[in-house]
Amino acid sequence: MKQIFTGKTIEELLEQAAKEKQCDVSSLYYEIKEEKAGFLGLGKEVSAEIYSDSDVEEFIQNYLKQYFDGIEMESYIEIEKDKDNYYHINLDTQNNAILIGRNGQTLQALNTILKSAVSSEFKKKIGVLVDINGYKEDKYRKLCSIARRIARSVQRDKVDAVLDPMPADERKAIHNYLSTMPGVSTVSEGEGNQRRLKIIYNPGKEVDE
């Protein structure tokens, strides 16, 4: 987990932390807690709280394990970090249907709670995405298929279209999918749980093959 390291320079702390955590310095994150300038360069000291990707993954594992132990439900937890620095958590439990809930609402609530807990623990915004036995990936495919049909109508009729409100991860999936489609662009609008994606006619947009 995250630890406080103390030394003469932040570089020294990071090298010490990397050795202890058995990882590269590039995978470390830190927050300086205290700095002492010393006198004429003597006695200079810096303290920083340092953690790595594996510390975040360990926190997520422990948090979810405690949750499932509390409701006496067996679970399998798999975590992977993507190129956009999102932690993808795939779950498989004794009762996936209950955890997904109607239209994925229970799953979305679990994602919100976990994201808040992780960001609070490490004092920075950390992206997490919880999926249950591939439910989200399947939903992304369905949403993107619907969005593509709507986008084709926007291309043909030259009239913008607004989709129903949806969570940020679903808007992102559609945005990424339609980014390769010429003649249309996407933008999010609205606030809170009413935030939605708008598909805009954009004849000047071209996509390289």
N, C-alpha and C. Protein backbone atom coordinates (compact mmCIF):
# COMPACT_ATOMS: atom_id res chain seq x y z
N MET A 1 0.84 -1.20 0.00
CA MET A 1 0.00 0.00 0.00
C MET A 1 0.88 1.26 0.00
N LYS A 2 0.23 2.42 -0.04
CA LYS A 2 1.01 3.66 -0.06
C LYS A 2 1.78 3.81 1.25
N GLN A 3 2.98 4.39 1.15
CA GLN A 3 3.87 4.52 2.31
C GLN A 3 4.51 5.90 2.32
N ILE A 4 4.98 6.31 3.49
CA ILE A 4 5.74 7.55 3.64
C ILE A 4 7.23 7.22 3.56
N PHE A 5 7.95 7.86 2.65
CA PHE A 5 9.39 7.70 2.52
C PHE A 5 10.06 9.03 2.83
N THR A 6 11.23 8.97 3.43
CA THR A 6 11.97 10.18 3.80
C THR A 6 13.42 10.08 3.33
N GLY A 7 13.93 11.17 2.76
CA GLY A 7 15.31 11.20 2.28
C GLY A 7 15.73 12.62 1.93
N LYS A 8 16.85 12.74 1.24
CA LYS A 8 17.39 14.06 0.91
C LYS A 8 16.72 14.67 -0.31
N THR A 9 16.35 13.84 -1.29
CA THR A 9 15.73 14.35 -2.52
C THR A 9 14.57 13.44 -2.91
N ILE A 10 13.65 13.97 -3.73
CA ILE A 10 12.53 13.16 -4.18
C ILE A 10 13.01 12.03 -5.08
N GLU A 11 14.11 12.29 -5.83
CA GLU A 11 14.68 11.25 -6.68
C GLU A 11 15.16 10.07 -5.84
N GLU A 12 15.77 10.38 -4.71
CA GLU A 12 16.26 9.34 -3.81
C GLU A 12 15.10 8.53 -3.25
N LEU A 13 14.01 9.23 -2.92
CA LEU A 13 12.83 8.55 -2.38
C LEU A 13 12.21 7.61 -3.40
N LEU A 14 12.12 8.09 -4.64
CA LEU A 14 11.50 7.28 -5.68
C LEU A 14 12.32 6.03 -5.97
N GLU A 15 13.65 6.18 -5.97
CA GLU A 15 14.52 5.02 -6.20
C GLU A 15 14.37 4.01 -5.06
N GLN A 16 14.27 4.54 -3.84
CA GLN A 16 14.09 3.67 -2.67
C GLN A 16 12.75 2.94 -2.73
N ALA A 17 11.70 3.68 -3.10
CA ALA A 17 10.37 3.10 -3.18
C ALA A 17 10.29 2.06 -4.30
N ALA A 18 10.90 2.36 -5.44
CA ALA A 18 10.88 1.44 -6.57
C ALA A 18 11.56 0.12 -6.20
N LYS A 19 12.66 0.22 -5.48
CA LYS A 19 13.38 -0.98 -5.05
C LYS A 19 12.54 -1.80 -4.08
N GLU A 20 11.90 -1.11 -3.15
CA GLU A 20 11.10 -1.81 -2.14
C GLU A 20 9.84 -2.43 -2.74
N LYS A 21 9.23 -1.71 -3.69
CA LYS A 21 7.99 -2.18 -4.30
C LYS A 21 8.24 -3.05 -5.52
N GLN A 22 9.52 -3.16 -5.89
CA GLN A 22 9.92 -4.00 -7.03
C GLN A 22 9.20 -3.59 -8.31
N CYS A 23 9.35 -2.30 -8.64
CA CYS A 23 8.73 -1.77 -9.85
C CYS A 23 9.61 -0.67 -10.42
N ASP A 24 9.26 -0.15 -11.59
CA ASP A 24 10.00 0.95 -12.19
C ASP A 24 9.59 2.28 -11.55
N VAL A 25 10.51 3.21 -11.53
CA VAL A 25 10.21 4.55 -10.99
C VAL A 25 9.07 5.19 -11.76
N SER A 26 8.99 4.91 -13.06
CA SER A 26 7.95 5.52 -13.90
C SER A 26 6.53 5.11 -13.50
N SER A 27 6.39 4.01 -12.76
CA SER A 27 5.06 3.55 -12.36
C SER A 27 4.69 4.02 -10.96
N LEU A 28 5.50 4.95 -10.40
CA LEU A 28 5.23 5.46 -9.05
C LEU A 28 4.53 6.82 -9.10
N TYR A 29 3.73 7.08 -8.07
CA TYR A 29 3.05 8.38 -7.91
C TYR A 29 3.38 8.86 -6.50
N TYR A 30 3.49 10.18 -6.33
CA TYR A 30 3.87 10.66 -5.00
C TYR A 30 3.21 11.99 -4.66
N GLU A 31 3.13 12.25 -3.37
CA GLU A 31 2.65 13.53 -2.85
C GLU A 31 3.61 13.96 -1.74
N ILE A 32 4.26 15.10 -1.93
CA ILE A 32 5.21 15.58 -0.93
C ILE A 32 4.46 16.03 0.32
N LYS A 33 4.87 15.51 1.46
CA LYS A 33 4.22 15.81 2.73
C LYS A 33 4.96 16.88 3.52
N GLU A 34 6.31 16.88 3.42
CA GLU A 34 7.09 17.84 4.21
C GLU A 34 8.46 18.04 3.57
N GLU A 35 8.93 19.27 3.58
CA GLU A 35 10.26 19.58 3.08
C GLU A 35 11.00 20.44 4.10
N LYS A 36 12.26 20.08 4.37
CA LYS A 36 13.12 20.85 5.26
C LYS A 36 14.34 21.27 4.47
N ALA A 37 14.55 22.58 4.37
CA ALA A 37 15.65 23.10 3.57
C ALA A 37 17.01 22.86 4.20
N GLY A 38 17.07 22.80 5.53
CA GLY A 38 18.34 22.65 6.21
C GLY A 38 19.11 23.97 6.23
N PHE A 39 20.37 23.92 6.64
CA PHE A 39 21.21 25.12 6.70
C PHE A 39 22.44 24.92 5.84
N LEU A 40 22.56 25.80 4.83
CA LEU A 40 23.67 25.70 3.88
C LEU A 40 23.72 24.31 3.21
N GLY A 41 22.52 23.78 2.98
CA GLY A 41 22.44 22.49 2.30
C GLY A 41 22.57 21.29 3.22
N LEU A 42 22.90 21.52 4.49
CA LEU A 42 23.05 20.43 5.44
C LEU A 42 21.71 20.16 6.14
N GLY A 43 21.41 18.90 6.30
CA GLY A 43 20.16 18.53 6.98
C GLY A 43 18.93 18.64 6.11
N LYS A 44 19.12 18.81 4.81
CA LYS A 44 17.99 18.87 3.90
C LYS A 44 17.24 17.55 3.91
N GLU A 45 15.89 17.63 3.95
CA GLU A 45 15.10 16.42 4.06
C GLU A 45 13.74 16.62 3.40
N VAL A 46 13.24 15.58 2.76
CA VAL A 46 11.92 15.62 2.14
C VAL A 46 11.19 14.32 2.46
N SER A 47 9.90 14.44 2.77
CA SER A 47 9.06 13.28 3.03
C SER A 47 7.93 13.26 2.01
N ALA A 48 7.64 12.09 1.48
CA ALA A 48 6.58 11.98 0.48
C ALA A 48 5.83 10.67 0.65
N GLU A 49 4.55 10.73 0.35
CA GLU A 49 3.72 9.54 0.34
C GLU A 49 3.77 8.97 -1.07
N ILE A 50 4.19 7.72 -1.21
CA ILE A 50 4.43 7.13 -2.52
C ILE A 50 3.63 5.84 -2.68
N TYR A 51 3.05 5.67 -3.87
CA TYR A 51 2.35 4.44 -4.16
C TYR A 51 2.53 4.09 -5.63
N SER A 52 2.24 2.85 -5.96
CA SER A 52 2.40 2.35 -7.33
C SER A 52 1.07 1.82 -7.86
N ASP A 53 1.07 1.44 -9.14
CA ASP A 53 -0.14 0.84 -9.73
C ASP A 53 -0.58 -0.40 -8.95
N SER A 54 0.40 -1.18 -8.53
CA SER A 54 0.06 -2.41 -7.80
C SER A 54 -0.59 -2.11 -6.46
N ASP A 55 -0.24 -0.95 -5.85
CA ASP A 55 -0.88 -0.55 -4.60
C ASP A 55 -2.35 -0.23 -4.82
N VAL A 56 -2.64 0.44 -5.94
CA VAL A 56 -4.04 0.75 -6.28
C VAL A 56 -4.81 -0.55 -6.51
N GLU A 57 -4.21 -1.48 -7.24
CA GLU A 57 -4.87 -2.74 -7.52
C GLU A 57 -5.09 -3.53 -6.22
N GLU A 58 -4.13 -3.48 -5.32
CA GLU A 58 -4.26 -4.18 -4.05
C GLU A 58 -5.41 -3.59 -3.23
N PHE A 59 -5.52 -2.26 -3.24
CA PHE A 59 -6.61 -1.60 -2.51
C PHE A 59 -7.96 -2.04 -3.08
N ILE A 60 -8.07 -2.04 -4.42
CA ILE A 60 -9.33 -2.44 -5.07
C ILE A 60 -9.68 -3.88 -4.71
N GLN A 61 -8.68 -4.77 -4.79
CA GLN A 61 -8.91 -6.18 -4.44
C GLN A 61 -9.43 -6.31 -3.01
N ASN A 62 -8.76 -5.65 -2.07
CA ASN A 62 -9.14 -5.75 -0.66
C ASN A 62 -10.51 -5.14 -0.39
N TYR A 63 -10.78 -4.01 -1.05
CA TYR A 63 -12.07 -3.33 -0.85
C TYR A 63 -13.22 -4.22 -1.32
N LEU A 64 -13.08 -4.78 -2.51
CA LEU A 64 -14.14 -5.62 -3.05
C LEU A 64 -14.26 -6.94 -2.29
N LYS A 65 -13.13 -7.50 -1.88
CA LYS A 65 -13.16 -8.75 -1.12
C LYS A 65 -13.91 -8.55 0.19
N GLN A 66 -13.64 -7.41 0.86
CA GLN A 66 -14.32 -7.11 2.11
C GLN A 66 -15.83 -6.96 1.88
N TYR A 67 -16.18 -6.34 0.77
CA TYR A 67 -17.59 -6.15 0.43
C TYR A 67 -18.28 -7.50 0.22
N PHE A 68 -17.68 -8.37 -0.61
CA PHE A 68 -18.30 -9.65 -0.90
C PHE A 68 -18.28 -10.59 0.30
N ASP A 69 -17.23 -10.50 1.12
CA ASP A 69 -17.22 -11.28 2.36
C ASP A 69 -18.36 -10.84 3.26
N GLY A 70 -18.63 -9.52 3.27
CA GLY A 70 -19.68 -8.98 4.12
C GLY A 70 -21.07 -9.46 3.73
N ILE A 71 -21.30 -9.69 2.44
CA ILE A 71 -22.61 -10.19 2.00
C ILE A 71 -22.57 -11.69 1.75
N GLU A 72 -21.47 -12.33 2.17
CA GLU A 72 -21.30 -13.78 2.07
C GLU A 72 -21.55 -14.29 0.65
N MET A 73 -20.85 -13.68 -0.29
CA MET A 73 -20.98 -14.07 -1.69
C MET A 73 -19.59 -14.35 -2.26
N GLU A 74 -19.42 -15.54 -2.85
CA GLU A 74 -18.15 -15.87 -3.48
C GLU A 74 -17.97 -15.04 -4.75
N SER A 75 -16.72 -14.64 -4.99
CA SER A 75 -16.47 -13.80 -6.17
C SER A 75 -15.08 -14.04 -6.73
N TYR A 76 -14.95 -13.79 -8.02
CA TYR A 76 -13.65 -13.82 -8.70
C TYR A 76 -13.39 -12.41 -9.21
N ILE A 77 -12.22 -11.86 -8.88
CA ILE A 77 -11.90 -10.47 -9.21
C ILE A 77 -10.65 -10.42 -10.09
N GLU A 78 -10.77 -9.79 -11.23
CA GLU A 78 -9.64 -9.63 -12.15
C GLU A 78 -9.47 -8.14 -12.46
N ILE A 79 -8.25 -7.62 -12.35
CA ILE A 79 -7.99 -6.19 -12.56
C ILE A 79 -6.92 -6.00 -13.62
N GLU A 80 -7.17 -5.05 -14.52
CA GLU A 80 -6.20 -4.73 -15.56
C GLU A 80 -6.26 -3.23 -15.84
N LYS A 81 -5.11 -2.60 -15.98
CA LYS A 81 -5.04 -1.17 -16.27
C LYS A 81 -4.83 -0.96 -17.76
N ASP A 82 -5.63 -0.06 -18.37
CA ASP A 82 -5.50 0.15 -19.81
C ASP A 82 -4.60 1.34 -20.13
N LYS A 83 -4.44 1.65 -21.41
CA LYS A 83 -3.53 2.71 -21.84
C LYS A 83 -4.03 4.09 -21.45
N ASP A 84 -5.32 4.22 -21.12
CA ASP A 84 -5.88 5.50 -20.68
C ASP A 84 -5.85 5.63 -19.16
N ASN A 85 -5.12 4.72 -18.49
CA ASN A 85 -4.97 4.73 -17.03
C ASN A 85 -6.26 4.42 -16.29
N TYR A 86 -7.17 3.70 -16.92
CA TYR A 86 -8.37 3.22 -16.26
C TYR A 86 -8.11 1.81 -15.73
N TYR A 87 -8.60 1.55 -14.51
CA TYR A 87 -8.50 0.21 -13.94
C TYR A 87 -9.79 -0.54 -14.27
N HIS A 88 -9.68 -1.57 -15.10
CA HIS A 88 -10.83 -2.38 -15.47
C HIS A 88 -10.94 -3.54 -14.49
N ILE A 89 -12.07 -3.63 -13.81
CA ILE A 89 -12.30 -4.70 -12.84
C ILE A 89 -13.40 -5.60 -13.35
N ASN A 90 -13.08 -6.84 -13.64
CA ASN A 90 -14.09 -7.79 -14.10
C ASN A 90 -14.43 -8.75 -12.97
N LEU A 91 -15.71 -8.84 -12.66
CA LEU A 91 -16.18 -9.69 -11.57
C LEU A 91 -16.98 -10.86 -12.10
N ASP A 92 -16.90 -11.97 -11.38
CA ASP A 92 -17.77 -13.11 -11.64
C ASP A 92 -18.17 -13.64 -10.27
N THR A 93 -19.47 -13.60 -9.95
CA THR A 93 -19.92 -13.94 -8.61
C THR A 93 -20.99 -15.03 -8.64
N GLN A 94 -21.44 -15.40 -7.44
CA GLN A 94 -22.49 -16.41 -7.32
C GLN A 94 -23.82 -15.92 -7.90
N ASN A 95 -24.04 -14.61 -7.86
CA ASN A 95 -25.32 -14.07 -8.33
C ASN A 95 -25.08 -12.80 -9.12
N ASN A 96 -24.60 -12.97 -10.35
CA ASN A 96 -24.29 -11.81 -11.19
C ASN A 96 -25.51 -10.95 -11.49
N ALA A 97 -26.67 -11.59 -11.67
CA ALA A 97 -27.88 -10.86 -12.05
C ALA A 97 -28.27 -9.82 -11.01
N ILE A 98 -28.18 -10.19 -9.73
CA ILE A 98 -28.53 -9.25 -8.66
C ILE A 98 -27.56 -8.08 -8.64
N LEU A 99 -26.26 -8.36 -8.82
CA LEU A 99 -25.26 -7.30 -8.78
C LEU A 99 -25.34 -6.38 -9.99
N ILE A 100 -25.82 -6.89 -11.11
CA ILE A 100 -26.00 -6.04 -12.29
C ILE A 100 -27.22 -5.15 -12.11
N GLY A 101 -28.32 -5.74 -11.65
CA GLY A 101 -29.53 -4.97 -11.41
C GLY A 101 -30.27 -4.62 -12.68
N ARG A 102 -31.40 -3.95 -12.53
CA ARG A 102 -32.23 -3.58 -13.68
C ARG A 102 -31.51 -2.55 -14.53
N ASN A 103 -31.31 -2.87 -15.80
CA ASN A 103 -30.61 -1.98 -16.73
C ASN A 103 -29.21 -1.60 -16.25
N GLY A 104 -28.61 -2.46 -15.43
CA GLY A 104 -27.24 -2.22 -14.97
C GLY A 104 -27.12 -1.18 -13.88
N GLN A 105 -28.24 -0.81 -13.22
CA GLN A 105 -28.20 0.28 -12.24
C GLN A 105 -27.42 -0.09 -10.98
N THR A 106 -27.55 -1.34 -10.51
CA THR A 106 -26.80 -1.76 -9.33
C THR A 106 -25.30 -1.80 -9.63
N LEU A 107 -24.96 -2.29 -10.81
CA LEU A 107 -23.55 -2.32 -11.23
C LEU A 107 -22.99 -0.91 -11.30
N GLN A 108 -23.77 0.03 -11.83
CA GLN A 108 -23.32 1.41 -11.94
C GLN A 108 -23.10 2.02 -10.56
N ALA A 109 -23.97 1.69 -9.61
CA ALA A 109 -23.83 2.19 -8.23
C ALA A 109 -22.56 1.64 -7.59
N LEU A 110 -22.29 0.35 -7.82
CA LEU A 110 -21.08 -0.27 -7.30
C LEU A 110 -19.84 0.41 -7.87
N ASN A 111 -19.89 0.73 -9.16
CA ASN A 111 -18.77 1.41 -9.83
C ASN A 111 -18.53 2.78 -9.20
N THR A 112 -19.62 3.51 -8.94
CA THR A 112 -19.52 4.86 -8.35
C THR A 112 -18.92 4.81 -6.96
N ILE A 113 -19.36 3.84 -6.16
CA ILE A 113 -18.86 3.70 -4.78
C ILE A 113 -17.38 3.35 -4.79
N LEU A 114 -16.99 2.40 -5.65
CA LEU A 114 -15.58 1.98 -5.71
C LEU A 114 -14.69 3.12 -6.19
N LYS A 115 -15.14 3.84 -7.21
CA LYS A 115 -14.38 4.96 -7.73
C LYS A 115 -14.16 6.02 -6.66
N SER A 116 -15.21 6.30 -5.87
CA SER A 116 -15.11 7.29 -4.80
C SER A 116 -14.13 6.82 -3.72
N ALA A 117 -14.19 5.53 -3.37
CA ALA A 117 -13.30 4.98 -2.33
C ALA A 117 -11.84 5.03 -2.76
N VAL A 118 -11.57 4.64 -4.01
CA VAL A 118 -10.19 4.62 -4.51
C VAL A 118 -9.63 6.04 -4.62
N SER A 119 -10.42 6.95 -5.16
CA SER A 119 -9.97 8.34 -5.32
C SER A 119 -9.73 8.99 -3.97
N SER A 120 -10.57 8.66 -2.98
CA SER A 120 -10.41 9.20 -1.63
C SER A 120 -9.15 8.66 -0.96
N GLU A 121 -8.90 7.38 -1.15
CA GLU A 121 -7.73 6.73 -0.53
C GLU A 121 -6.43 7.31 -1.07
N PHE A 122 -6.36 7.55 -2.39
CA PHE A 122 -5.11 8.00 -3.00
C PHE A 122 -5.11 9.50 -3.32
N LYS A 123 -6.18 10.19 -2.89
CA LYS A 123 -6.26 11.65 -2.96
C LYS A 123 -6.05 12.20 -4.37
N LYS A 124 -6.58 11.51 -5.36
CA LYS A 124 -6.57 11.97 -6.75
C LYS A 124 -7.67 11.23 -7.51
N LYS A 125 -8.09 11.82 -8.62
CA LYS A 125 -9.14 11.19 -9.41
C LYS A 125 -8.55 9.97 -10.13
N ILE A 126 -9.11 8.81 -9.82
CA ILE A 126 -8.64 7.57 -10.42
C ILE A 126 -9.81 6.91 -11.15
N GLY A 127 -9.60 6.59 -12.42
CA GLY A 127 -10.66 5.98 -13.21
C GLY A 127 -10.77 4.48 -12.98
N VAL A 128 -11.96 4.03 -12.62
CA VAL A 128 -12.21 2.60 -12.47
C VAL A 128 -13.46 2.24 -13.25
N LEU A 129 -13.49 1.04 -13.78
CA LEU A 129 -14.64 0.57 -14.53
C LEU A 129 -14.92 -0.88 -14.14
N VAL A 130 -16.04 -1.09 -13.47
CA VAL A 130 -16.40 -2.42 -12.99
C VAL A 130 -17.33 -3.08 -14.00
N ASP A 131 -17.00 -4.30 -14.37
CA ASP A 131 -17.85 -5.09 -15.25
C ASP A 131 -18.12 -6.43 -14.57
N ILE A 132 -19.26 -7.03 -14.89
CA ILE A 132 -19.61 -8.32 -14.32
C ILE A 132 -19.82 -9.33 -15.43
N ASN A 133 -18.88 -10.25 -15.53
CA ASN A 133 -18.96 -11.34 -16.49
C ASN A 133 -19.22 -10.84 -17.92
N GLY A 134 -18.59 -9.70 -18.28
CA GLY A 134 -18.70 -9.19 -19.63
C GLY A 134 -19.98 -8.43 -19.94
N TYR A 135 -20.80 -8.12 -18.91
CA TYR A 135 -22.07 -7.41 -19.15
C TYR A 135 -21.85 -6.07 -19.83
N LYS A 136 -20.89 -5.29 -19.32
CA LYS A 136 -20.64 -3.95 -19.86
C LYS A 136 -20.16 -4.01 -21.30
N GLU A 137 -19.25 -4.92 -21.60
CA GLU A 137 -18.73 -5.03 -22.97
C GLU A 137 -19.85 -5.35 -23.95
N ASP A 138 -20.76 -6.23 -23.52
CA ASP A 138 -21.90 -6.58 -24.38
C ASP A 138 -22.81 -5.36 -24.57
N LYS A 139 -23.01 -4.60 -23.49
CA LYS A 139 -23.85 -3.40 -23.58
C LYS A 139 -23.22 -2.36 -24.48
N TYR A 140 -21.89 -2.21 -24.40
CA TYR A 140 -21.19 -1.26 -25.27
C TYR A 140 -21.45 -1.60 -26.74
N ARG A 141 -21.35 -2.89 -27.07
CA ARG A 141 -21.56 -3.30 -28.45
C ARG A 141 -22.97 -2.96 -28.94
N LYS A 142 -23.96 -3.20 -28.08
CA LYS A 142 -25.34 -2.90 -28.44
C LYS A 142 -25.55 -1.39 -28.59
N LEU A 143 -25.02 -0.61 -27.66
CA LEU A 143 -25.17 0.84 -27.71
C LEU A 143 -24.49 1.43 -28.95
N CYS A 144 -23.30 0.91 -29.27
CA CYS A 144 -22.57 1.42 -30.44
C CYS A 144 -23.30 1.07 -31.73
N SER A 145 -23.95 -0.10 -31.76
CA SER A 145 -24.71 -0.48 -32.93
C SER A 145 -25.89 0.47 -33.13
N ILE A 146 -26.58 0.80 -32.04
CA ILE A 146 -27.71 1.74 -32.11
C ILE A 146 -27.21 3.13 -32.52
N ALA A 147 -26.10 3.56 -31.90
CA ALA A 147 -25.55 4.89 -32.19
C ALA A 147 -25.12 5.00 -33.65
N ARG A 148 -24.61 3.92 -34.20
CA ARG A 148 -24.18 3.95 -35.61
C ARG A 148 -25.38 4.17 -36.54
N ARG A 149 -26.49 3.48 -36.22
CA ARG A 149 -27.69 3.67 -37.04
C ARG A 149 -28.19 5.12 -36.97
N ILE A 150 -28.15 5.68 -35.76
CA ILE A 150 -28.58 7.07 -35.58
C ILE A 150 -27.63 8.02 -36.30
N ALA A 151 -26.33 7.73 -36.21
CA ALA A 151 -25.33 8.58 -36.86
C ALA A 151 -25.50 8.57 -38.37
N ARG A 152 -25.87 7.43 -38.93
CA ARG A 152 -26.12 7.36 -40.38
C ARG A 152 -27.32 8.24 -40.76
N SER A 153 -28.32 8.28 -39.87
CA SER A 153 -29.47 9.15 -40.12
C SER A 153 -29.06 10.62 -40.08
N VAL A 154 -28.15 10.95 -39.15
CA VAL A 154 -27.64 12.31 -39.05
C VAL A 154 -26.88 12.68 -40.32
N GLN A 155 -26.08 11.75 -40.83
CA GLN A 155 -25.37 11.98 -42.09
C GLN A 155 -26.35 12.23 -43.24
N ARG A 156 -27.39 11.42 -43.30
CA ARG A 156 -28.34 11.48 -44.41
C ARG A 156 -29.23 12.72 -44.34
N ASP A 157 -29.80 12.97 -43.12
CA ASP A 157 -30.78 14.04 -42.97
C ASP A 157 -30.16 15.38 -42.59
N LYS A 158 -28.88 15.34 -42.19
CA LYS A 158 -28.16 16.56 -41.78
C LYS A 158 -28.84 17.24 -40.58
N VAL A 159 -29.38 16.41 -39.69
CA VAL A 159 -30.06 16.90 -38.48
C VAL A 159 -29.43 16.22 -37.26
N ASP A 160 -28.99 17.02 -36.29
CA ASP A 160 -28.36 16.48 -35.09
C ASP A 160 -29.34 15.59 -34.31
N ALA A 161 -28.80 14.65 -33.53
CA ALA A 161 -29.63 13.75 -32.72
C ALA A 161 -29.07 13.68 -31.30
N VAL A 162 -29.96 13.57 -30.33
CA VAL A 162 -29.56 13.48 -28.93
C VAL A 162 -29.96 12.12 -28.38
N LEU A 163 -29.02 11.41 -27.79
CA LEU A 163 -29.28 10.09 -27.22
C LEU A 163 -29.83 10.21 -25.81
N ASP A 164 -30.34 9.11 -25.28
CA ASP A 164 -30.85 9.10 -23.91
C ASP A 164 -29.70 9.30 -22.92
N PRO A 165 -30.00 9.80 -21.71
CA PRO A 165 -28.95 9.94 -20.69
C PRO A 165 -28.29 8.60 -20.41
N MET A 166 -26.97 8.63 -20.18
CA MET A 166 -26.23 7.41 -19.89
C MET A 166 -24.96 7.74 -19.11
N PRO A 167 -24.38 6.74 -18.42
CA PRO A 167 -23.16 6.96 -17.64
C PRO A 167 -21.97 7.37 -18.52
N ALA A 168 -20.96 7.94 -17.89
CA ALA A 168 -19.79 8.44 -18.62
C ALA A 168 -19.09 7.36 -19.42
N ASP A 169 -18.98 6.14 -18.88
CA ASP A 169 -18.26 5.09 -19.60
C ASP A 169 -18.98 4.68 -20.87
N GLU A 170 -20.32 4.72 -20.85
CA GLU A 170 -21.08 4.37 -22.05
C GLU A 170 -20.99 5.48 -23.09
N ARG A 171 -21.02 6.73 -22.63
CA ARG A 171 -20.84 7.85 -23.57
C ARG A 171 -19.46 7.78 -24.21
N LYS A 172 -18.46 7.43 -23.40
CA LYS A 172 -17.09 7.33 -23.92
C LYS A 172 -16.97 6.23 -24.97
N ALA A 173 -17.63 5.10 -24.72
CA ALA A 173 -17.57 3.99 -25.68
C ALA A 173 -18.15 4.40 -27.03
N ILE A 174 -19.28 5.10 -27.00
CA ILE A 174 -19.91 5.55 -28.24
C ILE A 174 -19.06 6.64 -28.91
N HIS A 175 -18.54 7.55 -28.10
CA HIS A 175 -17.70 8.62 -28.64
C HIS A 175 -16.49 8.04 -29.38
N ASN A 176 -15.82 7.07 -28.75
CA ASN A 176 -14.65 6.44 -29.39
C ASN A 176 -15.05 5.70 -30.66
N TYR A 177 -16.20 5.03 -30.62
CA TYR A 177 -16.65 4.25 -31.77
C TYR A 177 -16.97 5.16 -32.96
N LEU A 178 -17.68 6.27 -32.71
CA LEU A 178 -18.08 7.16 -33.79
C LEU A 178 -16.95 8.10 -34.24
N SER A 179 -15.84 8.10 -33.50
CA SER A 179 -14.73 8.99 -33.86
C SER A 179 -14.13 8.60 -35.21
N THR A 180 -14.37 7.35 -35.64
CA THR A 180 -13.84 6.88 -36.93
C THR A 180 -14.86 7.03 -38.06
N MET A 181 -15.97 7.65 -37.75
CA MET A 181 -17.04 7.79 -38.75
C MET A 181 -17.03 9.21 -39.31
N PRO A 182 -16.83 9.37 -40.62
CA PRO A 182 -16.79 10.71 -41.21
C PRO A 182 -18.17 11.38 -41.21
N GLY A 183 -18.16 12.71 -41.15
CA GLY A 183 -19.40 13.46 -41.29
C GLY A 183 -20.19 13.68 -40.02
N VAL A 184 -19.75 13.06 -38.92
CA VAL A 184 -20.45 13.27 -37.64
C VAL A 184 -19.43 13.43 -36.50
N SER A 185 -19.81 14.21 -35.50
CA SER A 185 -19.01 14.37 -34.30
C SER A 185 -19.93 14.17 -33.09
N THR A 186 -19.35 13.97 -31.92
CA THR A 186 -20.15 13.79 -30.71
C THR A 186 -19.71 14.75 -29.63
N VAL A 187 -20.66 15.14 -28.79
CA VAL A 187 -20.36 16.02 -27.66
C VAL A 187 -21.32 15.68 -26.53
N SER A 188 -20.85 15.74 -25.29
CA SER A 188 -21.71 15.48 -24.13
C SER A 188 -22.34 16.79 -23.68
N GLU A 189 -23.62 16.71 -23.25
CA GLU A 189 -24.30 17.88 -22.73
C GLU A 189 -25.23 17.46 -21.61
N GLY A 190 -25.61 18.45 -20.76
CA GLY A 190 -26.45 18.15 -19.61
C GLY A 190 -25.61 17.99 -18.35
N GLU A 191 -26.30 17.82 -17.21
CA GLU A 191 -25.63 17.72 -15.92
C GLU A 191 -26.06 16.44 -15.19
N GLY A 192 -25.14 15.94 -14.35
CA GLY A 192 -25.45 14.80 -13.48
C GLY A 192 -25.92 13.58 -14.24
N ASN A 193 -26.98 12.93 -13.70
CA ASN A 193 -27.48 11.72 -14.33
C ASN A 193 -28.31 11.99 -15.59
N GLN A 194 -28.44 13.28 -15.96
CA GLN A 194 -29.12 13.65 -17.20
C GLN A 194 -28.13 13.97 -18.32
N ARG A 195 -26.86 13.73 -18.07
CA ARG A 195 -25.85 14.01 -19.09
C ARG A 195 -25.99 13.00 -20.22
N ARG A 196 -25.97 13.50 -21.45
CA ARG A 196 -26.22 12.64 -22.61
C ARG A 196 -25.29 13.00 -23.76
N LEU A 197 -25.28 12.15 -24.76
CA LEU A 197 -24.42 12.36 -25.92
C LEU A 197 -25.23 12.91 -27.08
N LYS A 198 -24.67 13.92 -27.75
CA LYS A 198 -25.31 14.52 -28.92
C LYS A 198 -24.47 14.19 -30.15
N ILE A 199 -25.13 13.66 -31.17
CA ILE A 199 -24.46 13.35 -32.42
C ILE A 199 -24.71 14.50 -33.39
N ILE A 200 -23.62 15.16 -33.79
CA ILE A 200 -23.72 16.39 -34.57
C ILE A 200 -23.31 16.16 -36.03
N TYR A 201 -24.08 16.70 -36.93
CA TYR A 201 -23.70 16.64 -38.35
C TYR A 201 -22.48 17.53 -38.57
N ASN A 202 -21.42 16.94 -39.11
CA ASN A 202 -20.16 17.66 -39.29
C ASN A 202 -19.57 17.29 -40.65
N PRO A 203 -20.05 17.97 -41.71
CA PRO A 203 -19.60 17.60 -43.07
C PRO A 203 -18.11 17.82 -43.30
N GLY A 204 -17.48 18.65 -42.46
CA GLY A 204 -16.05 18.91 -42.65
C GLY A 204 -15.16 17.85 -42.04
N LYS A 205 -15.74 16.91 -41.28
CA LYS A 205 -14.92 15.88 -40.63
C LYS A 205 -14.60 14.76 -41.61
N GLU A 206 -13.31 14.51 -41.75
CA GLU A 206 -12.86 13.41 -42.57
C GLU A 206 -11.99 12.49 -41.72
N VAL A 207 -12.00 11.22 -42.06
CA VAL A 207 -11.24 10.23 -41.31
C VAL A 207 -10.27 9.53 -42.24
N ASP A 208 -9.00 9.50 -41.87
CA ASP A 208 -7.99 8.81 -42.67
C ASP A 208 -8.22 7.31 -42.62
N GLU A 209 -8.05 6.69 -43.75
CA GLU A 209 -8.18 5.22 -43.80
C GLU A 209 -6.95 4.56 -43.18
